[in-house]
Amino acid sequence: MNPTNTKNTDGGQKNIEQDKIEDLKISFRGSVLPAGTHGYDQARKIWNGMFDRKPALIVRCVGTSDVIQAVNFARHNDLEISVKGGGHNSAGTAVCDDGLMIDLSLMRRVTVNQEKKTARVDGGCLLGDVDSETQLYGLAVSAGIVSHTGVGGLVLGGGFGWISRKHGLSVDNLISAEVVTAKGQLVTASERENPDLFWGIRGGGGNFGIVTSFEFKCADIGREVYSGLIVKDFSDARKYMQFHRDYVRTLPDEMTVWMVARHAPPLPFLPDDVHGKMVVIIPFVWLGEPEEGEKYIKPIREVTKSLGEGLGMHPWVGWQSGFDGLVGHGARNYWKSHHLKNLSDACIDQVVDFAGRLPSEECEVFIPHMEGVPSRTSENETAFSHRSTPFVLNIHTRWQTAENDEKCLAWAREFHAKTKDFASGVYVNFLSQEGEDRIKDAYTGDAWDRLVAVKNTWDPENRFHMNQNIKPSI
């Protein structure tokens, strides 16, 4: 026998016997990749280039039966498990050192029921897969804003995007899910079947099992939306932000308007001398007739001078992928975030100060406006908490080389600390590895206690802990 060296979950050394790997290959439909084999290095890559972990074994699943076999194999051999869907989470939890990486990225089927306006989505799908298939019928799933984001990680943490104010969070549109449990069993989670698990996976992350299939309610939005970007000079940032924090809260649910402070990308509607200049970008989406949307956008256009604008009817698939180039794979990323009680003048002062000294050309300060339908949904409906906070602050620190780690990390951490007094919780999908106390900030006290109870039921041994981990209490 030729053992492969690995670690168990408590850090000790363990061997995987080669004949066990060969036995797994016999019935496994996908690929089984020990370290050093063809395809291994590509499969272990994730979006955040800060992580260079090396699992002892990667299994690339093509169906639910593969996922069940993988979980059973890990349990029988006491291997740490990580789960990769899109591999997009900034905390790098999709890949482990020395354990078993369960890769769902080949499971990308989307089936749309046009009559019922629902979509069945495999656990390894990217948002772009879902958009491409649902848009054949003018439908969309309420989800994120970057097409190469994985559906699984996004949805299990909550999921919000351009149509969430009108149509709810991703978890609000989840009808059911097929889940492989820590015991290697396949169960359905829905309002009628295993409702405690269904509640937990709607905001509690990947703590309770591996979701191999999601069923969503779709929104009928058509194939084009009135949307665009308005670019403001950073010298007017304070004035604009003060206007923005009040104005956007008066808008109907059909209108979503966000803010991004960053260096201007080479957008085609911007003059060349603006490219690379510090700006505030105002992206928006209006779900309705463009003439009415124009009326709501007019005050934004006029309150301060615009350096350029790109407004109009855009295909939904194109709009959803339009920001992909700014967040491509392989760069080093570190996120810090808060839910904001409000954008007070004191908070805006901190935002303008730190945005004015970004540590790299690729960093940005992202402030989405929330509220709308999610804020009118009961806080106990799902595990996703903090539905009533109006704004999110995401400090998206992004750079290319390790030599800039210290500078970029220090900026993000100081920025985060200086805005703590304005915060009320955090969105779990925007967390880095910050410890249990910080994870608790993503939930209310009652929700946390309930999540621990769900964990006790479905994963009492904490097999699924490569995530924003909710530890069992038994």
Protein backbone atom coordinates (compact mmCIF):
# COMPACT_ATOMS: atom_id res chain seq x y z
CA MET A 1 0.00 0.00 0.00
CA ASN A 2 1.12 3.55 -0.80
CA PRO A 3 -0.27 5.91 1.89
CA THR A 4 -1.02 9.58 1.25
CA ASN A 5 -0.08 11.75 4.22
CA THR A 6 -2.80 13.95 5.70
CA LYS A 7 -4.13 15.41 8.95
CA ASN A 8 -7.27 14.70 10.88
CA THR A 9 -9.51 17.47 12.21
CA ASP A 10 -7.60 17.88 15.48
CA GLY A 11 -4.28 18.43 13.74
CA GLY A 12 -2.69 14.97 14.21
CA GLN A 13 -1.15 12.95 11.40
CA LYS A 14 -3.14 10.30 9.58
CA ASN A 15 -2.63 8.14 6.49
CA ILE A 16 -5.05 7.53 3.61
CA GLU A 17 -4.27 4.09 2.24
CA GLN A 18 -3.94 4.00 -1.53
CA ASP A 19 -6.22 0.99 -1.89
CA LYS A 20 -9.01 2.97 -0.23
CA ILE A 21 -8.57 5.71 -2.80
CA GLU A 22 -8.69 3.10 -5.57
CA ASP A 23 -11.87 1.62 -4.08
CA LEU A 24 -13.45 5.08 -4.09
CA LYS A 25 -12.60 5.51 -7.77
CA ILE A 26 -14.47 2.36 -8.76
CA SER A 27 -17.94 3.74 -8.08
CA PHE A 28 -17.18 7.46 -8.19
CA ARG A 29 -18.54 9.06 -11.37
CA GLY A 30 -16.43 12.19 -11.20
CA SER A 31 -12.68 12.63 -10.74
CA VAL A 32 -10.59 11.58 -7.75
CA LEU A 33 -7.43 13.66 -7.57
CA PRO A 34 -4.70 12.88 -5.02
CA ALA A 35 -2.04 15.54 -4.56
CA GLY A 36 0.29 15.79 -7.53
CA THR A 37 -2.02 14.24 -10.12
CA HIS A 38 -3.14 15.90 -13.34
CA GLY A 39 -5.82 18.52 -12.68
CA TYR A 40 -5.15 18.72 -8.94
CA ASP A 41 -3.47 22.14 -8.91
CA GLN A 42 -6.17 23.69 -11.08
CA ALA A 43 -8.97 22.21 -8.97
CA ARG A 44 -7.57 23.50 -5.68
CA LYS A 45 -7.45 27.12 -6.90
CA ILE A 46 -10.04 29.48 -5.52
CA TRP A 47 -10.97 33.09 -6.20
CA ASN A 48 -8.92 34.63 -3.38
CA GLY A 49 -5.24 34.37 -4.25
CA MET A 50 -4.21 34.73 -0.59
CA PHE A 51 -4.90 31.03 -0.06
CA ASP A 52 -2.57 28.33 -1.37
CA ARG A 53 -3.84 25.31 0.54
CA LYS A 54 -3.18 21.74 -0.54
CA PRO A 55 -5.78 19.07 0.22
CA ALA A 56 -4.59 15.48 0.42
CA LEU A 57 -7.41 14.53 -1.93
CA ILE A 58 -9.82 16.41 -4.18
CA VAL A 59 -13.00 14.78 -5.46
CA ARG A 60 -14.77 16.50 -8.34
CA CYS A 61 -18.39 15.44 -8.12
CA VAL A 62 -20.73 15.18 -11.11
CA GLY A 63 -23.84 14.19 -9.16
CA THR A 64 -25.38 13.81 -5.75
CA SER A 65 -24.27 10.18 -5.42
CA ASP A 66 -20.67 11.37 -5.70
CA VAL A 67 -21.22 13.87 -2.89
CA ILE A 68 -22.67 11.15 -0.65
CA GLN A 69 -19.70 8.90 -1.33
CA ALA A 70 -17.28 11.74 -0.61
CA VAL A 71 -18.87 12.58 2.73
CA ASN A 72 -18.89 8.91 3.74
CA PHE A 73 -15.26 8.53 2.68
CA ALA A 74 -14.26 11.53 4.79
CA ARG A 75 -16.19 10.24 7.80
CA HIS A 76 -14.80 6.72 7.59
CA ASN A 77 -11.24 8.05 7.26
CA ASP A 78 -11.64 10.93 9.74
CA LEU A 79 -10.70 13.56 7.16
CA GLU A 80 -11.32 17.26 7.37
CA ILE A 81 -13.85 18.39 4.75
CA SER A 82 -13.97 21.56 2.70
CA VAL A 83 -16.62 22.23 0.06
CA LYS A 84 -16.04 24.19 -3.13
CA GLY A 85 -18.90 25.53 -5.23
CA GLY A 86 -17.74 28.68 -6.97
CA GLY A 87 -14.79 29.02 -4.57
CA HIS A 88 -15.58 32.72 -4.36
CA ASN A 89 -15.81 33.30 -0.60
CA SER A 90 -13.20 35.82 0.52
CA ALA A 91 -12.43 33.77 3.66
CA GLY A 92 -10.99 30.94 1.56
CA THR A 93 -13.03 28.21 3.24
CA ALA A 94 -13.55 26.24 0.02
CA VAL A 95 -10.14 24.60 0.30
CA CYS A 96 -8.44 22.86 3.24
CA ASP A 97 -4.91 21.71 3.94
CA ASP A 98 -4.33 17.95 4.06
CA GLY A 99 -8.01 16.92 4.12
CA LEU A 100 -10.70 16.14 1.54
CA MET A 101 -11.90 18.93 -0.75
CA ILE A 102 -15.35 18.17 -2.17
CA ASP A 103 -15.57 20.09 -5.44
CA LEU A 104 -19.09 20.68 -6.79
CA SER A 105 -18.03 22.91 -9.67
CA LEU A 106 -18.93 20.32 -12.33
CA MET A 107 -22.52 20.20 -11.07
CA ARG A 108 -23.97 23.11 -13.04
CA ARG A 109 -27.35 22.08 -14.41
CA VAL A 110 -30.23 24.58 -14.28
CA THR A 111 -33.79 23.49 -15.07
CA VAL A 112 -36.49 26.15 -15.41
CA ASN A 113 -40.22 25.54 -15.06
CA GLN A 114 -41.68 28.39 -17.09
CA GLU A 115 -45.27 27.75 -16.00
CA LYS A 116 -44.52 27.69 -12.27
CA LYS A 117 -41.73 30.30 -12.58
CA THR A 118 -39.29 28.19 -10.63
CA ALA A 119 -35.73 27.04 -11.23
CA ARG A 120 -33.94 23.92 -10.02
CA VAL A 121 -30.23 24.73 -9.66
CA ASP A 122 -27.34 22.35 -9.02
CA GLY A 123 -25.10 23.08 -6.04
CA GLY A 124 -22.05 23.91 -8.17
CA CYS A 125 -23.75 26.48 -10.39
CA LEU A 126 -22.47 29.98 -10.84
CA LEU A 127 -24.82 32.96 -10.97
CA GLY A 128 -24.11 33.28 -14.67
CA ASP A 129 -25.44 29.75 -15.26
CA VAL A 130 -28.70 30.66 -13.55
CA ASP A 131 -29.07 33.97 -15.38
CA SER A 132 -28.43 32.40 -18.77
CA GLU A 133 -31.11 29.74 -18.34
CA THR A 134 -33.79 31.76 -16.53
CA GLN A 135 -33.47 34.64 -18.98
CA LEU A 136 -34.63 32.39 -21.80
CA TYR A 137 -38.06 33.02 -20.27
CA GLY A 138 -37.50 36.58 -19.03
CA LEU A 139 -37.10 35.31 -15.47
CA ALA A 140 -34.41 35.86 -12.83
CA VAL A 141 -33.48 34.50 -9.43
CA SER A 142 -32.86 37.20 -6.84
CA ALA A 143 -29.15 36.75 -6.18
CA GLY A 144 -25.77 38.49 -6.38
CA ILE A 145 -23.95 40.86 -8.71
CA VAL A 146 -20.93 38.98 -10.10
CA SER A 147 -21.63 36.19 -12.58
CA HIS A 148 -18.74 33.94 -11.48
CA THR A 149 -19.97 33.85 -7.86
CA GLY A 150 -21.11 30.39 -6.74
CA VAL A 151 -24.82 30.03 -6.03
CA GLY A 152 -24.28 27.75 -3.03
CA GLY A 153 -22.13 29.97 -0.87
CA LEU A 154 -24.05 33.11 -1.76
CA VAL A 155 -27.48 31.66 -1.03
CA LEU A 156 -26.59 29.82 2.16
CA GLY A 157 -25.40 33.10 3.67
CA GLY A 158 -28.46 35.10 2.55
CA GLY A 159 -27.87 36.46 -0.94
CA PHE A 160 -28.75 39.97 -2.09
CA GLY A 161 -28.45 41.82 -5.37
CA TRP A 162 -30.07 44.27 -7.76
CA ILE A 163 -33.62 42.97 -7.45
CA SER A 164 -33.66 42.03 -3.76
CA ARG A 165 -35.43 45.20 -2.62
CA LYS A 166 -38.37 44.29 -4.84
CA HIS A 167 -38.27 40.50 -4.77
CA GLY A 168 -36.55 39.55 -1.51
CA LEU A 169 -33.24 37.92 -0.64
CA SER A 170 -32.11 34.68 -2.23
CA VAL A 171 -33.10 32.81 0.93
CA ASP A 172 -36.56 34.39 0.79
CA ASN A 173 -37.03 32.83 -2.64
CA LEU A 174 -35.74 29.36 -1.75
CA ILE A 175 -38.52 26.79 -1.98
CA SER A 176 -36.57 23.65 -1.11
CA ALA A 177 -33.11 22.13 -1.14
CA GLU A 178 -31.57 18.66 -1.33
CA VAL A 179 -28.93 18.31 1.36
CA VAL A 180 -26.29 15.66 1.97
CA THR A 181 -25.89 15.44 5.74
CA ALA A 182 -22.83 14.71 7.85
CA LYS A 183 -24.01 11.09 8.02
CA GLY A 184 -24.01 10.82 4.23
CA GLN A 185 -27.79 10.82 3.98
CA LEU A 186 -29.77 12.72 1.34
CA VAL A 187 -32.67 14.71 2.76
CA THR A 188 -35.02 17.40 1.50
CA ALA A 189 -35.27 20.67 3.38
CA SER A 190 -38.43 22.72 2.91
CA GLU A 191 -41.25 24.25 4.90
CA ARG A 192 -42.84 20.79 5.13
CA GLU A 193 -39.81 18.50 5.27
CA ASN A 194 -37.14 19.04 7.91
CA PRO A 195 -38.24 22.64 8.56
CA ASP A 196 -35.52 23.20 11.18
CA LEU A 197 -32.85 22.43 8.60
CA PHE A 198 -34.63 24.57 6.03
CA TRP A 199 -34.63 27.49 8.44
CA GLY A 200 -30.93 26.98 9.19
CA ILE A 201 -29.65 26.81 5.63
CA ARG A 202 -31.35 30.12 4.85
CA GLY A 203 -28.57 32.25 6.30
CA GLY A 204 -26.58 29.80 8.44
CA GLY A 205 -24.04 29.00 5.73
CA GLY A 206 -22.65 25.55 4.99
CA ASN A 207 -22.73 24.43 8.61
CA PHE A 208 -25.41 21.76 8.33
CA GLY A 209 -24.72 19.81 5.16
CA ILE A 210 -23.83 20.05 1.48
CA VAL A 211 -26.64 21.39 -0.70
CA THR A 212 -26.59 19.58 -4.03
CA SER A 213 -29.74 21.17 -5.44
CA PHE A 214 -31.72 24.36 -4.82
CA GLU A 215 -35.27 25.11 -5.95
CA PHE A 216 -36.01 28.83 -6.33
CA LYS A 217 -38.99 31.01 -7.02
CA CYS A 218 -38.17 33.25 -9.99
CA ALA A 219 -39.06 36.88 -10.58
CA ASP A 220 -40.53 37.98 -13.90
CA ILE A 221 -38.30 40.93 -14.81
CA GLY A 222 -38.12 40.65 -18.60
CA ARG A 223 -34.88 40.48 -20.56
CA GLU A 224 -33.77 44.10 -20.17
CA VAL A 225 -33.70 46.52 -17.25
CA TYR A 226 -33.23 50.27 -17.08
CA SER A 227 -29.87 50.55 -15.36
CA GLY A 228 -26.54 52.27 -15.44
CA LEU A 229 -23.64 54.03 -13.78
CA ILE A 230 -23.28 57.66 -12.77
CA VAL A 231 -19.72 58.69 -11.93
CA LYS A 232 -19.07 61.57 -9.53
CA ASP A 233 -15.87 63.44 -8.74
CA PHE A 234 -14.44 62.36 -5.40
CA SER A 235 -13.97 65.98 -4.39
CA ASP A 236 -17.76 66.10 -3.97
CA ALA A 237 -17.93 62.77 -2.13
CA ARG A 238 -19.04 64.14 1.25
CA LYS A 239 -21.81 66.27 -0.25
CA TYR A 240 -23.03 63.47 -2.46
CA MET A 241 -23.02 60.87 0.32
CA GLN A 242 -25.02 63.14 2.61
CA PHE A 243 -27.62 63.52 -0.13
CA HIS A 244 -27.54 59.83 -0.99
CA ARG A 245 -28.11 58.52 2.55
CA ASP A 246 -31.43 60.40 2.75
CA TYR A 247 -32.63 60.26 -0.84
CA VAL A 248 -32.31 56.54 -1.53
CA ARG A 249 -34.43 55.73 1.53
CA THR A 250 -37.37 57.54 -0.13
CA LEU A 251 -37.23 55.41 -3.28
CA PRO A 252 -39.72 52.66 -4.15
CA ASP A 253 -38.70 49.01 -3.95
CA GLU A 254 -38.36 48.88 -7.73
CA MET A 255 -35.30 51.15 -7.55
CA THR A 256 -31.93 49.99 -6.22
CA VAL A 257 -29.13 52.58 -5.95
CA TRP A 258 -25.71 51.81 -4.46
CA MET A 259 -22.39 53.64 -3.97
CA VAL A 260 -18.84 52.55 -4.72
CA ALA A 261 -15.78 54.68 -3.96
CA ARG A 262 -12.76 53.58 -5.99
CA HIS A 263 -10.35 54.49 -8.75
CA ALA A 264 -12.27 54.86 -12.01
CA PRO A 265 -12.00 51.85 -14.32
CA PRO A 266 -11.64 52.56 -18.07
CA LEU A 267 -15.37 52.77 -18.69
CA PRO A 268 -16.16 53.65 -22.31
CA PHE A 269 -18.34 56.66 -21.40
CA LEU A 270 -15.62 58.27 -19.26
CA PRO A 271 -13.03 60.67 -20.71
CA ASP A 272 -9.53 59.22 -20.79
CA ASP A 273 -8.28 61.69 -18.18
CA VAL A 274 -10.80 60.32 -15.66
CA HIS A 275 -9.52 56.74 -15.94
CA GLY A 276 -7.68 55.88 -12.73
CA LYS A 277 -8.94 58.99 -10.95
CA MET A 278 -10.60 58.64 -7.55
CA VAL A 279 -14.40 58.72 -8.01
CA VAL A 280 -17.72 57.76 -6.49
CA ILE A 281 -19.68 55.45 -8.77
CA ILE A 282 -23.46 55.28 -8.43
CA PRO A 283 -24.81 52.07 -10.02
CA PHE A 284 -28.58 51.58 -10.19
CA VAL A 285 -31.28 49.23 -11.46
CA TRP A 286 -34.91 50.20 -12.01
CA LEU A 287 -37.58 47.54 -12.46
CA GLY A 288 -40.19 49.38 -14.47
CA GLU A 289 -40.70 51.69 -17.42
CA PRO A 290 -37.51 53.65 -18.15
CA GLU A 291 -39.33 56.99 -18.29
CA GLU A 292 -40.39 56.61 -14.67
CA GLY A 293 -36.93 55.41 -13.65
CA GLU A 294 -35.39 58.51 -15.22
CA LYS A 295 -37.45 60.70 -12.87
CA TYR A 296 -35.99 58.98 -9.82
CA ILE A 297 -32.44 59.17 -11.18
CA LYS A 298 -32.61 62.86 -12.11
CA PRO A 299 -31.90 64.22 -8.58
CA ILE A 300 -28.86 61.95 -8.33
CA ARG A 301 -27.55 63.24 -11.63
CA GLU A 302 -28.05 66.87 -10.65
CA VAL A 303 -27.01 67.09 -6.98
CA THR A 304 -23.31 67.21 -7.84
CA LYS A 305 -21.38 67.30 -11.09
CA SER A 306 -21.08 63.98 -12.96
CA LEU A 307 -17.86 63.03 -14.76
CA GLY A 308 -19.70 60.61 -16.99
CA GLU A 309 -22.86 58.54 -17.28
CA GLY A 310 -23.86 55.30 -18.92
CA LEU A 311 -27.63 54.92 -18.63
CA GLY A 312 -30.17 52.95 -20.62
CA MET A 313 -31.86 49.64 -21.19
CA HIS A 314 -29.40 46.79 -20.71
CA PRO A 315 -29.81 43.02 -21.16
CA TRP A 316 -30.01 41.46 -17.69
CA VAL A 317 -27.33 38.87 -18.45
CA GLY A 318 -24.96 41.59 -19.65
CA TRP A 319 -25.62 43.82 -16.66
CA GLN A 320 -25.09 40.92 -14.24
CA SER A 321 -21.69 40.16 -15.73
CA GLY A 322 -20.65 43.76 -16.31
CA PHE A 323 -18.63 44.01 -13.09
CA ASP A 324 -16.85 40.66 -13.41
CA GLY A 325 -13.66 42.18 -14.75
CA LEU A 326 -13.09 44.20 -11.59
CA VAL A 327 -13.10 41.11 -9.37
CA GLY A 328 -11.37 38.42 -11.43
CA HIS A 329 -9.80 35.31 -9.92
CA GLY A 330 -6.32 35.19 -8.45
CA ALA A 331 -5.83 38.58 -6.77
CA ARG A 332 -5.31 38.86 -3.03
CA ASN A 333 -8.52 39.86 -1.25
CA TYR A 334 -9.44 40.78 2.31
CA TRP A 335 -12.89 41.94 3.33
CA LYS A 336 -14.12 43.72 6.44
CA SER A 337 -17.74 44.71 6.79
CA HIS A 338 -20.54 46.16 8.90
CA HIS A 339 -24.27 46.58 8.68
CA LEU A 340 -24.71 50.32 9.20
CA LYS A 341 -27.42 51.82 11.41
CA ASN A 342 -27.21 54.89 9.21
CA LEU A 343 -24.79 56.94 7.20
CA SER A 344 -24.39 59.70 9.77
CA ASP A 345 -22.15 62.66 9.03
CA ALA A 346 -19.52 61.19 11.36
CA CYS A 347 -19.66 57.87 9.51
CA ILE A 348 -19.40 59.61 6.15
CA ASP A 349 -16.34 61.48 7.40
CA GLN A 350 -14.61 58.16 8.11
CA VAL A 351 -15.67 56.70 4.76
CA VAL A 352 -14.36 59.70 2.84
CA ASP A 353 -11.12 59.73 4.84
CA PHE A 354 -10.28 56.06 4.28
CA ALA A 355 -11.57 55.98 0.71
CA GLY A 356 -9.31 58.92 -0.01
CA ARG A 357 -6.25 56.81 0.80
CA LEU A 358 -6.96 53.43 -0.76
CA PRO A 359 -3.85 51.25 -0.41
CA SER A 360 -4.09 49.87 -3.95
CA GLU A 361 -5.70 50.74 -7.30
CA GLU A 362 -8.11 47.80 -7.00
CA CYS A 363 -9.53 48.48 -3.53
CA GLU A 364 -13.02 49.83 -3.19
CA VAL A 365 -15.55 50.89 -0.58
CA PHE A 366 -18.90 49.35 -1.43
CA ILE A 367 -22.08 50.69 0.25
CA PRO A 368 -25.30 49.02 -0.92
CA HIS A 369 -28.69 50.31 0.19
CA MET A 370 -30.85 47.49 1.55
CA GLU A 371 -34.36 47.80 3.03
CA GLY A 372 -37.33 47.09 0.74
CA VAL A 373 -39.12 43.74 0.89
CA PRO A 374 -36.46 41.98 3.03
CA SER A 375 -36.88 44.59 5.76
CA ARG A 376 -40.60 43.86 5.91
CA THR A 377 -40.04 40.12 6.29
CA SER A 378 -40.11 38.76 9.82
CA GLU A 379 -36.67 38.57 11.41
CA ASN A 380 -37.49 35.02 12.52
CA GLU A 381 -38.51 33.81 9.07
CA THR A 382 -34.99 32.67 8.19
CA ALA A 383 -31.59 32.49 9.87
CA PHE A 384 -30.54 35.65 8.01
CA SER A 385 -30.67 38.44 10.59
CA HIS A 386 -30.35 42.23 10.68
CA ARG A 387 -32.99 42.80 8.02
CA SER A 388 -33.81 46.32 9.12
CA THR A 389 -30.41 48.02 8.76
CA PRO A 390 -30.49 50.42 5.81
CA PHE A 391 -26.91 50.16 4.55
CA VAL A 392 -24.00 47.75 4.38
CA LEU A 393 -20.37 48.86 4.41
CA ASN A 394 -18.06 46.42 2.65
CA ILE A 395 -14.38 47.30 2.80
CA HIS A 396 -13.14 45.37 -0.21
CA THR A 397 -9.35 45.30 -0.06
CA ARG A 398 -7.78 43.85 -3.20
CA TRP A 399 -4.17 43.78 -4.40
CA GLN A 400 -1.82 41.61 -6.42
CA THR A 401 1.40 40.83 -4.54
CA ALA A 402 2.28 39.55 -1.07
CA GLU A 403 4.70 42.42 -0.49
CA ASN A 404 1.66 44.71 -0.10
CA ASP A 405 -0.11 42.49 2.45
CA GLU A 406 0.82 44.48 5.53
CA LYS A 407 -0.17 47.85 4.08
CA CYS A 408 -3.51 46.63 2.70
CA LEU A 409 -4.51 44.61 5.76
CA ALA A 410 -3.66 47.47 8.13
CA TRP A 411 -5.79 49.91 6.13
CA ALA A 412 -8.80 47.59 6.13
CA ARG A 413 -8.56 46.79 9.83
CA GLU A 414 -8.18 50.43 10.85
CA PHE A 415 -11.09 51.48 8.62
CA HIS A 416 -13.24 48.73 10.14
CA ALA A 417 -12.34 49.74 13.69
CA LYS A 418 -13.05 53.43 13.06
CA THR A 419 -16.57 52.64 11.77
CA LYS A 420 -17.52 50.17 14.50
CA ASP A 421 -19.58 52.71 16.43
CA PHE A 422 -21.93 53.10 13.45
CA ALA A 423 -22.49 49.36 13.04
CA SER A 424 -25.28 46.95 13.91
CA GLY A 425 -24.24 43.43 12.94
CA VAL A 426 -22.57 42.06 9.83
CA TYR A 427 -23.43 40.08 6.70
CA VAL A 428 -21.93 36.62 7.11
CA ASN A 429 -20.85 36.37 3.44
CA PHE A 430 -18.67 39.46 3.86
CA LEU A 431 -16.65 38.05 6.77
CA SER A 432 -13.03 37.00 6.63
CA GLN A 433 -11.70 34.59 9.28
CA GLU A 434 -12.47 36.69 12.35
CA GLY A 435 -13.45 34.22 15.08
CA GLU A 436 -16.65 32.99 16.71
CA ASP A 437 -17.57 36.26 18.39
CA ARG A 438 -17.55 38.04 15.05
CA ILE A 439 -19.61 35.26 13.44
CA LYS A 440 -22.18 35.75 16.19
CA ASP A 441 -22.49 39.39 15.09
CA ALA A 442 -24.13 38.13 11.90
CA TYR A 443 -27.13 36.89 13.90
CA THR A 444 -29.44 37.94 16.67
CA GLY A 445 -29.04 36.14 19.99
CA ASP A 446 -32.20 34.10 19.43
CA ALA A 447 -31.12 33.16 15.92
CA TRP A 448 -27.68 32.05 17.16
CA ASP A 449 -29.19 29.79 19.82
CA ARG A 450 -31.52 28.29 17.24
CA LEU A 451 -28.64 27.75 14.79
CA VAL A 452 -26.66 25.91 17.48
CA ALA A 453 -29.69 23.67 18.05
CA VAL A 454 -29.88 22.92 14.32
CA LYS A 455 -26.15 22.15 14.34
CA ASN A 456 -26.63 19.78 17.29
CA THR A 457 -29.23 17.87 15.30
CA TRP A 458 -27.61 17.71 11.89
CA ASP A 459 -23.85 17.89 12.49
CA PRO A 460 -23.10 17.20 16.18
CA GLU A 461 -19.49 16.21 15.39
CA ASN A 462 -18.88 19.45 13.45
CA ARG A 463 -17.77 17.66 10.30
CA PHE A 464 -18.69 20.76 8.33
CA HIS A 465 -16.54 23.37 10.02
CA MET A 466 -14.63 24.90 7.10
CA ASN A 467 -17.03 27.84 7.02
CA GLN A 468 -18.11 30.66 9.29
CA ASN A 469 -18.49 27.96 11.88
CA ILE A 470 -21.37 27.47 14.28
CA LYS A 471 -20.09 24.95 16.79
CA PRO A 472 -22.39 22.33 18.31
CA SER A 473 -22.96 22.54 22.04
CA ILE A 474 -23.09 18.79 22.68
